Structure formats: structure tokens, C-alpha cells
Amino acid sequence: MHLRLTSHRPQDTQAIAADLVRHHPGLRVIALRGELGAGKTCFVQGLADGLGIGAPVTSPTYTLIHEYPGPR
């Protein structure tokens, strides 16, 4: 499944990601692709918020895996 959404503010990007995991709890893998500054970190911060993860989220660029403890 491919999903393309457009956001114009970091807060909107974070809200989209948080809503995504709240409304689709069965999601297992999300691949992010984009240029530097495209909003990947904002998106991951929103995912963490939606999952109830309180740890600071760092940039996923140049990283294979970041693991954050949380309820899921």
C-alpha cells in the first residue's frame, strides 16, 4: 500500500503520523523516503507521540534502525 499526504507545517506532519498509528494499530512497517529536510523526523516524532513513547526522537536519516521503548 502506498500513501501520499501533503503537509505544510511540522505540526501537521506530526498530527498525520500520530493519527496514522492511532487509527491503524496493526501497522508493522513504515518506510520513510525523502530528501534532507523533507519532514521525516517530524513524522517519526508524530509516530512516537501516537504510540505513547516519551523518549526524544532523533533523525532517522542515515540510520537503519532506531528502537524506542513503548507500549507497542
N, C-alpha and C. Protein backbone atom coordinates (compact mmCIF):
# COMPACT_ATOMS: atom_id res chain seq x y z
N MET A 1 0.84 -1.16 0.00
CA MET A 1 0.00 0.00 0.00
C MET A 1 0.90 1.24 0.00
N HIS A 2 0.62 2.18 -0.83
CA HIS A 2 1.33 3.45 -0.87
C HIS A 2 0.36 4.55 -0.49
N LEU A 3 0.83 5.45 0.34
CA LEU A 3 0.00 6.56 0.80
C LEU A 3 0.81 7.82 0.65
N ARG A 4 0.24 8.82 0.00
CA ARG A 4 0.93 10.09 -0.17
C ARG A 4 0.05 11.19 0.40
N LEU A 5 0.60 11.90 1.38
CA LEU A 5 -0.09 13.02 2.01
C LEU A 5 0.80 14.24 1.93
N THR A 6 0.21 15.41 1.88
CA THR A 6 0.97 16.65 1.83
C THR A 6 0.71 17.45 3.09
N SER A 7 1.78 17.94 3.69
CA SER A 7 1.70 18.75 4.89
C SER A 7 2.48 20.03 4.66
N HIS A 8 2.02 21.11 5.24
CA HIS A 8 2.70 22.39 5.05
C HIS A 8 3.34 22.92 6.33
N ARG A 9 3.12 22.23 7.46
CA ARG A 9 3.70 22.66 8.74
C ARG A 9 4.17 21.43 9.51
N PRO A 10 5.24 21.56 10.29
CA PRO A 10 5.72 20.42 11.10
C PRO A 10 4.63 19.85 12.01
N GLN A 11 3.82 20.72 12.60
CA GLN A 11 2.76 20.26 13.49
C GLN A 11 1.74 19.39 12.75
N ASP A 12 1.46 19.74 11.50
CA ASP A 12 0.54 18.93 10.69
C ASP A 12 1.14 17.56 10.38
N THR A 13 2.43 17.55 10.07
CA THR A 13 3.12 16.29 9.78
C THR A 13 3.07 15.37 11.00
N GLN A 14 3.34 15.92 12.17
CA GLN A 14 3.29 15.13 13.40
C GLN A 14 1.88 14.63 13.68
N ALA A 15 0.88 15.46 13.45
CA ALA A 15 -0.51 15.05 13.68
C ALA A 15 -0.94 13.95 12.72
N ILE A 16 -0.53 14.03 11.47
CA ILE A 16 -0.85 12.99 10.49
C ILE A 16 -0.27 11.65 10.94
N ALA A 17 0.99 11.66 11.36
CA ALA A 17 1.65 10.42 11.79
C ALA A 17 1.00 9.85 13.04
N ALA A 18 0.69 10.71 14.01
CA ALA A 18 0.04 10.24 15.24
C ALA A 18 -1.31 9.63 14.93
N ASP A 19 -2.08 10.27 14.07
CA ASP A 19 -3.40 9.74 13.68
C ASP A 19 -3.26 8.41 12.95
N LEU A 20 -2.22 8.29 12.13
CA LEU A 20 -1.99 7.06 11.37
C LEU A 20 -1.85 5.86 12.30
N VAL A 21 -1.00 5.96 13.31
CA VAL A 21 -0.81 4.81 14.20
C VAL A 21 -1.98 4.60 15.15
N ARG A 22 -2.68 5.66 15.49
CA ARG A 22 -3.85 5.51 16.36
C ARG A 22 -5.00 4.81 15.64
N HIS A 23 -5.19 5.12 14.36
CA HIS A 23 -6.30 4.56 13.60
C HIS A 23 -5.96 3.26 12.88
N HIS A 24 -4.69 2.90 12.82
CA HIS A 24 -4.25 1.66 12.16
C HIS A 24 -3.26 0.95 13.07
N PRO A 25 -3.73 0.40 14.19
CA PRO A 25 -2.82 -0.19 15.17
C PRO A 25 -2.08 -1.43 14.67
N GLY A 26 -2.52 -2.02 13.58
CA GLY A 26 -1.87 -3.22 13.07
C GLY A 26 -0.65 -2.94 12.20
N LEU A 27 -0.34 -1.67 11.94
CA LEU A 27 0.82 -1.36 11.10
C LEU A 27 2.09 -1.89 11.73
N ARG A 28 2.91 -2.57 10.96
CA ARG A 28 4.15 -3.14 11.46
C ARG A 28 5.38 -2.43 10.90
N VAL A 29 5.33 -2.02 9.63
CA VAL A 29 6.48 -1.43 8.98
C VAL A 29 6.04 -0.17 8.23
N ILE A 30 6.79 0.89 8.43
CA ILE A 30 6.57 2.12 7.68
C ILE A 30 7.92 2.53 7.14
N ALA A 31 8.04 2.65 5.84
CA ALA A 31 9.28 3.07 5.21
C ALA A 31 9.19 4.56 4.91
N LEU A 32 10.23 5.28 5.26
CA LEU A 32 10.29 6.72 5.00
C LEU A 32 11.32 6.99 3.93
N ARG A 33 10.95 7.85 3.00
CA ARG A 33 11.88 8.22 1.93
C ARG A 33 11.71 9.71 1.67
N GLY A 34 12.81 10.41 1.58
CA GLY A 34 12.72 11.83 1.29
C GLY A 34 14.06 12.51 1.42
N GLU A 35 14.16 13.66 0.79
CA GLU A 35 15.38 14.45 0.84
C GLU A 35 15.60 14.98 2.26
N LEU A 36 16.80 15.48 2.53
CA LEU A 36 17.05 16.14 3.79
C LEU A 36 16.07 17.31 3.92
N GLY A 37 15.47 17.41 5.09
CA GLY A 37 14.51 18.50 5.32
C GLY A 37 13.11 18.21 4.84
N ALA A 38 12.85 16.98 4.41
CA ALA A 38 11.52 16.64 3.90
C ALA A 38 10.48 16.45 5.00
N GLY A 39 10.92 16.26 6.25
CA GLY A 39 9.97 16.10 7.35
C GLY A 39 9.94 14.71 7.95
N LYS A 40 10.95 13.89 7.64
CA LYS A 40 10.97 12.53 8.17
C LYS A 40 11.03 12.51 9.70
N THR A 41 11.87 13.38 10.28
CA THR A 41 11.98 13.42 11.74
C THR A 41 10.66 13.87 12.36
N CYS A 42 10.03 14.88 11.81
CA CYS A 42 8.72 15.33 12.31
C CYS A 42 7.70 14.19 12.25
N PHE A 43 7.74 13.43 11.17
CA PHE A 43 6.82 12.31 11.02
C PHE A 43 7.07 11.27 12.10
N VAL A 44 8.33 10.91 12.32
CA VAL A 44 8.66 9.91 13.34
C VAL A 44 8.32 10.42 14.74
N GLN A 45 8.50 11.70 14.98
CA GLN A 45 8.09 12.28 16.26
C GLN A 45 6.58 12.12 16.46
N GLY A 46 5.82 12.32 15.40
CA GLY A 46 4.37 12.12 15.48
C GLY A 46 4.00 10.67 15.72
N LEU A 47 4.73 9.75 15.07
CA LEU A 47 4.50 8.32 15.30
C LEU A 47 4.75 7.98 16.76
N ALA A 48 5.87 8.48 17.30
CA ALA A 48 6.19 8.20 18.70
C ALA A 48 5.11 8.74 19.62
N ASP A 49 4.62 9.93 19.34
CA ASP A 49 3.55 10.51 20.15
C ASP A 49 2.30 9.65 20.06
N GLY A 50 1.94 9.22 18.88
CA GLY A 50 0.76 8.37 18.70
C GLY A 50 0.88 7.02 19.38
N LEU A 51 2.11 6.56 19.56
CA LEU A 51 2.36 5.27 20.22
C LEU A 51 2.58 5.42 21.72
N GLY A 52 2.56 6.66 22.22
CA GLY A 52 2.76 6.87 23.65
C GLY A 52 4.20 6.77 24.09
N ILE A 53 5.13 7.00 23.18
CA ILE A 53 6.56 6.94 23.50
C ILE A 53 7.01 8.32 23.95
N GLY A 54 7.59 8.39 25.12
CA GLY A 54 8.00 9.67 25.67
C GLY A 54 9.45 10.02 25.43
N ALA A 55 10.23 9.08 24.91
CA ALA A 55 11.66 9.31 24.68
C ALA A 55 11.86 10.30 23.54
N PRO A 56 12.94 11.10 23.59
CA PRO A 56 13.24 12.00 22.48
C PRO A 56 13.50 11.21 21.21
N VAL A 57 12.97 11.67 20.11
CA VAL A 57 13.13 11.01 18.82
C VAL A 57 14.19 11.75 18.01
N THR A 58 15.15 11.01 17.49
CA THR A 58 16.22 11.62 16.69
C THR A 58 15.99 11.34 15.22
N SER A 59 16.74 12.00 14.39
CA SER A 59 16.59 11.89 12.94
C SER A 59 16.80 10.46 12.47
N PRO A 60 15.90 9.94 11.61
CA PRO A 60 16.08 8.60 11.06
C PRO A 60 17.02 8.56 9.85
N THR A 61 17.47 9.73 9.39
CA THR A 61 18.35 9.78 8.22
C THR A 61 19.68 9.09 8.54
N TYR A 62 20.16 8.29 7.62
CA TYR A 62 21.41 7.54 7.73
C TYR A 62 21.38 6.48 8.83
N THR A 63 20.21 6.06 9.22
CA THR A 63 20.08 5.07 10.29
C THR A 63 19.25 3.91 9.78
N LEU A 64 19.70 2.69 10.06
CA LEU A 64 18.93 1.53 9.68
C LEU A 64 17.79 1.29 10.66
N ILE A 65 18.07 1.38 11.96
CA ILE A 65 17.05 1.11 12.97
C ILE A 65 17.27 2.00 14.19
N HIS A 66 16.21 2.63 14.64
CA HIS A 66 16.16 3.27 15.96
C HIS A 66 15.05 2.56 16.70
N GLU A 67 15.32 2.11 17.91
CA GLU A 67 14.29 1.47 18.71
C GLU A 67 13.97 2.35 19.90
N TYR A 68 12.66 2.52 20.14
CA TYR A 68 12.17 3.32 21.26
C TYR A 68 11.22 2.46 22.08
N PRO A 69 11.45 2.36 23.39
CA PRO A 69 10.55 1.55 24.21
C PRO A 69 9.19 2.22 24.31
N GLY A 70 8.16 1.40 24.25
CA GLY A 70 6.79 1.91 24.35
C GLY A 70 5.82 0.77 24.52
N PRO A 71 4.54 1.09 24.58
CA PRO A 71 3.54 0.05 24.82
C PRO A 71 3.36 -0.94 23.68
N ARG A 72 3.75 -0.56 22.45
CA ARG A 72 3.65 -1.49 21.31
C ARG A 72 5.00 -1.72 20.71
